[in-house]
Amino acid sequence: MKAKLLRCQLCLAKLNSAEQHLTKRCLLSAAYLDTQKWEQRKVDPQNLAELAALMDQTYEKKLPVSSLTISRFVDNISSREEVDQAEYYLYKFRHSPNCFYVRDWTIHSWIRKCLMYGAREKALHTLKNQVQYGMFPDNFTFNLLMDTFIKEDDYNSSLVVVNEIMLQEAFDEPCTQLLSLYVLHKYLQGKPDLKWEDERNLGAALLLVGLTQDNTVGFSSRLLGHVFLGRVELTKGIRAVYTKMPLMWTRGYLNRALNVMEEVVKATNGAKLCKDAVDAMAMVLEMPTSETSESKITNKLQETKQEDAIDDDDDDDDEINEKTKLPDYLKRFKELHAELQSLGKIETESLMTMTEKLITENLLAAESSEIQKFEKKLEEWEEERAALIQREKEIREKVRLEREARQAAKAKR
């Protein structure tokens, strides 16, 4: 009997392991991650030492550096050491006199080179400091990074990528939306110890990506996002919610969470709210006033004063107003919760489980569409690069002719 039970347990463990492996494997297919198309593009073979010397001389003379030069440098990286060198020149290019932006294909190539030569920390560093390095990736590049970290069970790094997508407001493509939802809920499943900044970032990401999905996962993510932001609003004030964030600057995030619940009550598309998101809402609304006050005092002591006294008073008034509304919010929450239960719109499956189901049902189709878009983008990049090369040749020819003309005029004298 014991042996039979042990065999059953082993079978169950293998099944769970297989399901986890399938989920990870299904996140991005081999076709999506295939580098063949990228590697088949034309690359100008260059000597990095010569390119580095050229850029150094150009910088010293305070002359503009061509985006083609830095692109060639990144394309010809062939070792981990050269990744470090390229980071230095990316930074210098970004701060050069004529720098407008780093070309999209250079950004994509840089991220691929970092992944290829075991420099994931460099990819994350340049991404987190994207203004300093000009790193504003497209959705396909973001997805490659997320997929890499997901397969390594590194959800902290995956979350960094999602935060940058959120700040860049780049939840445009279905693959990016699905992967971001997976990362967010997988990270929260680990029950991390969150600071208020973490709650704000998670709340903003959940809200923005949740708005792209009109289904159970989308509405539940939206609700959870509002809950996180509402808690920050209660404890830190509305200014802490929207400063340097792509968020609304008017107070009332908990009220907006209730509006999400009301939306689901009226929804006719079969959407529900996951129980864990609803429970999180209840926990915040039932949070004692003393806790929010204590949190406010603690956070005030940890901050340096950056705003004038009038602004601080306004923030305090906002928080007081929100706290006085908590009893009304709680009453409305209970009414909406009862309606949701009576309509059978409380989903007992966890938000993580529902997210995995959503990915299984939709990611394959989303991948096919995005692969086609990426192949088209490669063609556009190649056309743009060819045009720049032609322009570079024309400029060099013009400079050569002008120099020869000057030399001829000087010889006549």
Protein backbone atom coordinates (compact mmCIF):
# COMPACT_ATOMS: atom_id res chain seq x y z
CA MET A 1 0.00 0.00 0.00
CA LYS A 2 2.81 2.37 0.94
CA ALA A 3 4.72 1.49 -2.25
CA LYS A 4 1.62 2.21 -4.35
CA LEU A 5 1.14 5.55 -2.57
CA LEU A 6 4.79 6.44 -3.17
CA ARG A 7 4.45 5.62 -6.89
CA CYS A 8 1.37 7.86 -7.09
CA GLN A 9 3.24 10.70 -5.40
CA LEU A 10 6.17 10.31 -7.80
CA CYS A 11 3.82 10.30 -10.80
CA LEU A 12 2.10 13.42 -9.50
CA ALA A 13 5.46 15.16 -8.99
CA LYS A 14 6.53 14.24 -12.53
CA LEU A 15 3.21 15.51 -13.90
CA ASN A 16 3.57 18.82 -12.06
CA SER A 17 7.15 19.14 -13.28
CA ALA A 18 6.04 18.40 -16.85
CA GLU A 19 3.27 20.98 -16.63
CA GLN A 20 5.70 23.60 -15.36
CA HIS A 21 8.15 22.75 -18.14
CA LEU A 22 5.36 22.91 -20.73
CA THR A 23 4.26 26.31 -19.44
CA LYS A 24 7.78 27.67 -19.72
CA ARG A 25 8.36 26.09 -23.11
CA CYS A 26 5.07 27.49 -24.37
CA LEU A 27 5.88 31.01 -23.29
CA LEU A 28 7.90 31.67 -26.42
CA SER A 29 8.20 29.06 -29.12
CA ALA A 30 11.43 28.01 -30.79
CA ALA A 31 10.29 29.75 -33.96
CA TYR A 32 9.90 33.02 -32.10
CA LEU A 33 13.36 32.75 -30.56
CA ASP A 34 15.04 31.52 -33.75
CA THR A 35 18.05 33.73 -34.48
CA GLN A 36 18.52 32.55 -38.07
CA LYS A 37 16.69 35.49 -39.63
CA TRP A 38 18.69 37.92 -37.52
CA GLU A 39 22.03 36.26 -38.20
CA GLN A 40 21.38 36.18 -41.95
CA ARG A 41 21.24 39.95 -42.21
CA LYS A 42 24.17 41.80 -43.72
CA VAL A 43 26.86 42.89 -41.27
CA ASP A 44 29.90 45.00 -42.11
CA PRO A 45 32.97 43.08 -40.83
CA GLN A 46 35.01 45.59 -38.85
CA ASN A 47 38.04 45.63 -36.56
CA LEU A 48 36.83 46.82 -33.14
CA ALA A 49 40.20 48.32 -32.22
CA GLU A 50 40.10 50.49 -35.35
CA LEU A 51 36.50 51.50 -34.70
CA ALA A 52 37.33 52.37 -31.08
CA ALA A 53 40.31 54.48 -32.18
CA LEU A 54 38.14 56.25 -34.77
CA MET A 55 35.46 57.07 -32.19
CA ASP A 56 38.04 58.25 -29.63
CA GLN A 57 39.65 60.60 -32.16
CA THR A 58 36.25 61.88 -33.23
CA TYR A 59 35.20 62.56 -29.64
CA GLU A 60 38.50 64.34 -28.88
CA LYS A 61 37.94 66.65 -31.85
CA LYS A 62 34.35 67.19 -30.68
CA LEU A 63 33.04 66.00 -34.02
CA PRO A 64 29.79 64.08 -34.55
CA VAL A 65 29.92 60.27 -34.46
CA SER A 66 27.86 58.38 -37.01
CA SER A 67 25.16 56.03 -35.72
CA LEU A 68 26.54 53.55 -38.25
CA THR A 69 29.87 53.51 -36.41
CA ILE A 70 28.37 52.50 -33.07
CA SER A 71 26.09 50.05 -34.89
CA ARG A 72 29.09 48.37 -36.55
CA PHE A 73 30.86 48.21 -33.20
CA VAL A 74 27.94 46.39 -31.54
CA ASP A 75 27.38 44.07 -34.52
CA ASN A 76 31.01 42.90 -34.41
CA ILE A 77 31.11 42.00 -30.69
CA SER A 78 32.56 38.50 -30.33
CA SER A 79 33.43 38.16 -26.61
CA ARG A 80 32.38 39.14 -23.09
CA GLU A 81 35.24 41.65 -22.87
CA GLU A 82 34.02 43.40 -26.01
CA VAL A 83 30.56 43.74 -24.46
CA ASP A 84 32.14 45.89 -21.73
CA GLN A 85 33.90 48.00 -24.35
CA ALA A 86 30.68 48.46 -26.29
CA GLU A 87 28.85 49.65 -23.15
CA TYR A 88 31.45 52.42 -22.76
CA TYR A 89 31.02 53.57 -26.36
CA LEU A 90 27.23 53.37 -26.20
CA TYR A 91 27.35 55.76 -23.27
CA LYS A 92 29.76 58.11 -25.07
CA PHE A 93 27.67 58.01 -28.23
CA ARG A 94 24.55 58.90 -26.27
CA HIS A 95 26.36 61.96 -24.88
CA SER A 96 28.07 62.99 -28.12
CA PRO A 97 27.29 66.42 -29.66
CA ASN A 98 25.09 65.16 -32.50
CA CYS A 99 23.47 62.15 -30.88
CA PHE A 100 19.79 61.96 -31.70
CA TYR A 101 19.03 58.36 -30.85
CA VAL A 102 20.52 54.88 -30.97
CA ARG A 103 19.12 53.00 -33.96
CA ASP A 104 16.50 50.33 -33.21
CA TRP A 105 18.57 47.57 -34.80
CA THR A 106 21.59 48.59 -32.68
CA ILE A 107 19.51 48.25 -29.50
CA HIS A 108 18.26 44.84 -30.60
CA SER A 109 21.77 43.71 -31.53
CA TRP A 110 23.15 44.96 -28.19
CA ILE A 111 20.61 42.97 -26.16
CA ARG A 112 21.26 39.84 -28.24
CA LYS A 113 25.03 40.19 -27.77
CA CYS A 114 24.58 40.59 -24.00
CA LEU A 115 22.50 37.40 -23.87
CA MET A 116 24.87 35.55 -26.19
CA TYR A 117 28.02 36.29 -24.14
CA GLY A 118 26.61 35.92 -20.62
CA ALA A 119 26.30 39.62 -19.87
CA ARG A 120 22.67 39.74 -18.78
CA GLU A 121 23.53 42.20 -16.01
CA LYS A 122 24.82 44.61 -18.66
CA ALA A 123 21.57 44.33 -20.59
CA LEU A 124 19.61 45.11 -17.42
CA HIS A 125 21.94 47.96 -16.42
CA THR A 126 21.62 49.73 -19.77
CA LEU A 127 17.87 49.11 -19.75
CA LYS A 128 17.38 50.56 -16.26
CA ASN A 129 19.51 53.56 -17.29
CA GLN A 130 17.96 53.81 -20.73
CA VAL A 131 18.15 57.59 -20.95
CA GLN A 132 21.91 57.50 -20.36
CA TYR A 133 22.47 54.74 -22.93
CA GLY A 134 19.63 55.41 -25.37
CA MET A 135 18.17 51.94 -24.73
CA PHE A 136 14.50 52.06 -25.72
CA PRO A 137 13.84 48.52 -27.01
CA ASP A 138 10.94 47.40 -29.17
CA ASN A 139 8.46 44.74 -28.01
CA PHE A 140 10.33 41.86 -29.63
CA THR A 141 13.53 42.78 -27.78
CA PHE A 142 11.66 43.14 -24.49
CA ASN A 143 10.13 39.70 -25.02
CA LEU A 144 13.52 38.07 -25.64
CA LEU A 145 14.78 39.47 -22.34
CA MET A 146 11.71 38.39 -20.38
CA ASP A 147 11.78 34.91 -21.87
CA THR A 148 15.45 34.48 -20.98
CA PHE A 149 14.87 35.37 -17.32
CA ILE A 150 11.66 33.33 -17.09
CA LYS A 151 13.43 30.19 -18.26
CA GLU A 152 16.05 30.78 -15.54
CA ASP A 153 13.35 31.31 -12.87
CA ASP A 154 14.80 34.78 -12.34
CA TYR A 155 11.60 36.70 -11.75
CA ASN A 156 13.33 39.63 -10.07
CA SER A 157 15.16 40.40 -13.32
CA SER A 158 12.00 39.68 -15.34
CA LEU A 159 10.17 42.21 -13.21
CA VAL A 160 12.82 44.85 -13.94
CA VAL A 161 12.05 44.37 -17.64
CA VAL A 162 8.29 44.66 -17.03
CA ASN A 163 8.82 47.87 -15.04
CA GLU A 164 10.73 49.39 -17.94
CA ILE A 165 7.98 48.34 -20.36
CA MET A 166 5.50 50.02 -18.03
CA LEU A 167 7.52 53.24 -17.84
CA GLN A 168 7.92 53.19 -21.62
CA GLU A 169 4.17 52.45 -21.94
CA ALA A 170 4.95 49.71 -24.44
CA PHE A 171 2.21 47.13 -23.72
CA ASP A 172 1.16 47.25 -27.35
CA GLU A 173 1.77 43.72 -28.59
CA PRO A 174 -0.16 40.64 -27.36
CA CYS A 175 3.02 38.63 -26.66
CA THR A 176 4.36 41.42 -24.45
CA GLN A 177 1.05 41.64 -22.61
CA LEU A 178 0.88 37.90 -21.93
CA LEU A 179 4.51 37.56 -20.85
CA SER A 180 4.23 40.61 -18.60
CA LEU A 181 1.11 39.21 -16.92
CA TYR A 182 2.91 35.91 -16.36
CA VAL A 183 5.93 37.65 -14.80
CA LEU A 184 3.84 39.91 -12.55
CA HIS A 185 1.66 37.14 -11.13
CA LYS A 186 4.53 34.66 -10.86
CA TYR A 187 6.49 37.24 -8.87
CA LEU A 188 3.53 37.94 -6.57
CA GLN A 189 2.95 34.21 -6.12
CA GLY A 190 6.26 34.11 -4.24
CA LYS A 191 4.76 36.51 -1.64
CA PRO A 192 7.68 38.98 -1.70
CA ASP A 193 8.27 41.55 1.00
CA LEU A 194 7.26 44.74 -0.78
CA LYS A 195 8.30 48.31 -0.08
CA TRP A 196 5.91 51.08 -1.04
CA GLU A 197 7.92 51.78 -4.20
CA ASP A 198 7.51 48.12 -5.19
CA GLU A 199 3.76 48.33 -4.61
CA ARG A 200 3.54 51.43 -6.78
CA ASN A 201 5.55 49.88 -9.63
CA LEU A 202 3.61 46.61 -9.47
CA GLY A 203 0.32 48.49 -9.25
CA ALA A 204 1.11 50.63 -12.29
CA ALA A 205 2.26 47.62 -14.35
CA LEU A 206 -0.76 45.51 -13.37
CA LEU A 207 -3.13 48.37 -14.15
CA LEU A 208 -1.65 49.27 -17.54
CA VAL A 209 -1.27 45.71 -18.82
CA GLY A 210 -4.65 44.78 -17.34
CA LEU A 211 -6.29 47.46 -19.47
CA THR A 212 -5.21 45.55 -22.58
CA GLN A 213 -7.21 42.42 -21.63
CA ASP A 214 -11.02 42.33 -21.39
CA ASN A 215 -11.18 38.99 -19.61
CA THR A 216 -10.92 37.54 -16.12
CA VAL A 217 -7.14 38.00 -15.94
CA GLY A 218 -7.37 41.55 -17.30
CA PHE A 219 -10.09 42.72 -14.90
CA SER A 220 -8.45 40.97 -11.93
CA SER A 221 -5.07 42.52 -12.76
CA ARG A 222 -6.68 45.93 -13.09
CA LEU A 223 -8.37 45.50 -9.71
CA LEU A 224 -5.13 44.38 -8.05
CA GLY A 225 -3.24 47.27 -9.66
CA HIS A 226 -5.71 49.81 -8.28
CA VAL A 227 -5.49 48.14 -4.88
CA PHE A 228 -1.69 48.49 -4.75
CA LEU A 229 -1.87 52.10 -5.90
CA GLY A 230 -4.72 52.85 -3.50
CA ARG A 231 -2.67 51.56 -0.59
CA VAL A 232 0.26 53.76 -1.61
CA GLU A 233 -2.13 56.70 -1.91
CA LEU A 234 -3.40 56.07 1.61
CA THR A 235 0.03 55.75 3.19
CA LYS A 236 2.15 58.10 1.09
CA GLY A 237 -0.22 60.50 -0.63
CA ILE A 238 -1.25 60.92 -4.27
CA ARG A 239 2.02 62.64 -5.20
CA ALA A 240 3.95 59.45 -4.47
CA VAL A 241 1.64 57.54 -6.82
CA TYR A 242 2.01 59.62 -9.96
CA THR A 243 5.50 61.19 -9.65
CA LYS A 244 7.64 59.93 -12.58
CA MET A 245 4.94 57.40 -13.39
CA PRO A 246 2.53 57.18 -16.36
CA LEU A 247 -0.48 57.44 -14.04
CA MET A 248 -3.45 59.69 -13.35
CA TRP A 249 -2.69 62.43 -10.82
CA THR A 250 -6.19 62.72 -9.33
CA ARG A 251 -6.85 60.86 -6.10
CA GLY A 252 -9.28 57.99 -5.67
CA TYR A 253 -7.53 54.79 -6.76
CA LEU A 254 -9.55 52.65 -4.36
CA ASN A 255 -12.72 54.17 -5.78
CA ARG A 256 -11.49 53.18 -9.27
CA ALA A 257 -10.95 49.65 -7.97
CA LEU A 258 -14.62 49.59 -6.94
CA ASN A 259 -15.50 50.80 -10.42
CA VAL A 260 -13.67 47.77 -11.85
CA MET A 261 -15.81 45.51 -9.66
CA GLU A 262 -18.92 47.28 -10.92
CA GLU A 263 -17.73 46.81 -14.52
CA VAL A 264 -17.47 43.06 -13.97
CA VAL A 265 -20.96 42.96 -12.42
CA LYS A 266 -22.32 44.52 -15.63
CA ALA A 267 -20.04 42.58 -18.01
CA THR A 268 -21.71 40.23 -20.46
CA ASN A 269 -18.55 38.60 -21.88
CA GLY A 270 -18.19 36.01 -19.11
CA ALA A 271 -15.41 37.90 -17.31
CA LYS A 272 -14.99 37.27 -13.58
CA LEU A 273 -12.77 38.52 -10.76
CA CYS A 274 -10.28 36.15 -9.14
CA LYS A 275 -10.82 35.62 -5.45
CA ASP A 276 -7.24 36.50 -4.52
CA ALA A 277 -7.58 39.96 -6.13
CA VAL A 278 -10.91 40.58 -4.36
CA ASP A 279 -9.40 39.43 -1.04
CA ALA A 280 -6.52 41.88 -1.50
CA MET A 281 -9.07 44.67 -1.95
CA ALA A 282 -10.89 43.66 1.23
CA MET A 283 -7.62 43.59 3.18
CA VAL A 284 -6.76 47.18 2.23
CA LEU A 285 -10.25 48.52 2.93
CA GLU A 286 -10.33 46.84 6.33
CA MET A 287 -6.83 48.07 7.19
CA PRO A 288 -6.97 49.97 10.51
CA THR A 289 -6.58 53.74 10.26
CA SER A 290 -3.78 53.53 12.83
CA GLU A 291 -1.75 51.38 10.43
CA THR A 292 -1.96 53.94 7.64
CA SER A 293 -1.08 56.74 10.06
CA GLU A 294 1.91 54.81 11.45
CA SER A 295 3.10 54.00 7.94
CA LYS A 296 2.80 57.65 7.02
CA ILE A 297 4.94 58.73 9.98
CA THR A 298 7.60 56.11 9.23
CA ASN A 299 7.79 57.05 5.57
CA LYS A 300 7.99 60.74 6.41
CA LEU A 301 11.03 60.10 8.63
CA GLN A 302 12.75 58.14 5.87
CA GLU A 303 12.27 60.86 3.24
CA THR A 304 14.21 64.05 2.66
CA LYS A 305 12.06 67.14 2.18
CA GLN A 306 11.93 67.91 -1.52
CA GLU A 307 8.66 69.84 -1.73
CA ASP A 308 7.60 73.05 -0.03
CA ALA A 309 5.34 73.13 3.00
CA ILE A 310 2.23 74.08 1.03
CA ASP A 311 2.50 71.05 -1.21
CA ASP A 312 3.01 68.78 1.80
CA ASP A 313 -0.14 70.20 3.40
CA ASP A 314 -2.08 69.52 0.19
CA ASP A 315 -0.88 65.91 0.18
CA ASP A 316 -1.89 65.47 3.80
CA ASP A 317 -5.35 66.84 3.04
CA ASP A 318 -5.68 64.36 0.15
CA GLU A 319 -4.79 61.44 2.39
CA ILE A 320 -7.19 62.56 5.12
CA ASN A 321 -9.98 62.86 2.57
CA GLU A 322 -9.33 59.36 1.28
CA LYS A 323 -9.17 57.87 4.77
CA THR A 324 -12.50 59.42 5.70
CA LYS A 325 -14.04 57.68 2.67
CA LEU A 326 -12.87 54.20 3.71
CA PRO A 327 -16.13 53.30 5.51
CA ASP A 328 -18.13 54.23 2.38
CA TYR A 329 -15.71 52.31 0.19
CA LEU A 330 -16.01 49.26 2.44
CA LYS A 331 -19.81 49.40 2.38
CA ARG A 332 -19.86 49.63 -1.43
CA PHE A 333 -17.28 46.86 -1.66
CA LYS A 334 -19.47 44.48 0.37
CA GLU A 335 -22.48 45.25 -1.81
CA LEU A 336 -20.53 44.65 -5.03
CA HIS A 337 -18.94 41.52 -3.57
CA ALA A 338 -22.37 40.12 -2.76
CA GLU A 339 -23.57 40.88 -6.30
CA LEU A 340 -20.53 39.19 -7.81
CA GLN A 341 -21.12 36.10 -5.68
CA SER A 342 -24.81 35.93 -6.57
CA LEU A 343 -23.93 36.17 -10.29
CA GLY A 344 -21.20 33.51 -9.96
CA LYS A 345 -18.53 36.00 -11.01
CA ILE A 346 -15.97 35.20 -8.31
CA GLU A 347 -13.32 32.94 -9.82
CA THR A 348 -11.97 30.47 -7.24
CA GLU A 349 -8.95 29.56 -9.39
CA SER A 350 -5.87 31.61 -8.53
CA LEU A 351 -4.88 34.55 -10.70
CA MET A 352 -1.65 32.72 -11.57
CA THR A 353 -3.57 29.66 -12.76
CA MET A 354 -5.91 31.80 -14.87
CA THR A 355 -2.92 33.60 -16.36
CA GLU A 356 -1.31 30.30 -17.38
CA LYS A 357 -4.59 29.24 -19.02
CA LEU A 358 -4.78 32.54 -20.89
CA ILE A 359 -1.21 32.06 -22.15
CA THR A 360 -1.89 28.49 -23.27
CA GLU A 361 -4.95 29.62 -25.24
CA ASN A 362 -3.57 32.78 -26.84
CA LEU A 363 0.21 32.94 -26.98
CA LEU A 364 0.74 30.68 -29.99
CA ALA A 365 -1.45 32.84 -32.25
CA ALA A 366 0.16 36.00 -30.89
CA GLU A 367 3.63 34.59 -31.62
CA SER A 368 2.80 33.84 -35.26
CA SER A 369 1.64 37.41 -35.83
CA GLU A 370 4.63 38.91 -34.08
CA ILE A 371 7.14 36.76 -35.96
CA GLN A 372 5.73 38.12 -39.22
CA LYS A 373 5.99 41.68 -37.89
CA PHE A 374 9.59 41.09 -36.81
CA GLU A 375 10.58 39.72 -40.22
CA LYS A 376 9.04 42.79 -41.84
CA LYS A 377 10.87 45.00 -39.37
CA LEU A 378 14.17 43.32 -40.27
CA GLU A 379 13.56 44.26 -43.91
CA GLU A 380 12.80 47.86 -42.91
CA TRP A 381 15.95 48.02 -40.77
CA GLU A 382 18.02 46.69 -43.66
CA GLU A 383 16.57 49.30 -46.04
CA GLU A 384 17.24 52.08 -43.52
CA ARG A 385 20.78 50.84 -42.91
CA ALA A 386 21.47 50.63 -46.66
CA ALA A 387 20.21 54.19 -47.10
CA LEU A 388 22.52 55.40 -44.31
CA ILE A 389 25.49 53.59 -45.85
CA GLN A 390 24.74 55.20 -49.23
CA ARG A 391 24.45 58.61 -47.58
CA GLU A 392 27.74 58.01 -45.78
CA LYS A 393 29.46 57.22 -49.11
CA GLU A 394 28.02 60.36 -50.71
CA ILE A 395 29.21 62.55 -47.83
CA ARG A 396 32.70 61.03 -47.95
CA GLU A 397 32.84 61.57 -51.70
CA LYS A 398 31.73 65.18 -51.26
CA VAL A 399 34.37 65.75 -48.59
CA ARG A 400 37.03 64.17 -50.84
CA LEU A 401 36.13 66.41 -53.77
CA GLU A 402 36.12 69.54 -51.58
CA ARG A 403 39.52 68.60 -50.17
CA GLU A 404 40.98 68.03 -53.63
CA ALA A 405 39.52 71.34 -54.80
CA ARG A 406 41.16 73.15 -51.89
CA GLN A 407 44.48 71.44 -52.58
CA ALA A 408 44.27 72.37 -56.27
CA ALA A 409 43.49 76.00 -55.44
CA LYS A 410 46.38 76.09 -52.98
CA ALA A 411 48.78 74.63 -55.61
CA LYS A 412 47.85 77.38 -58.11
CA ARG A 413 48.95 80.02 -55.67
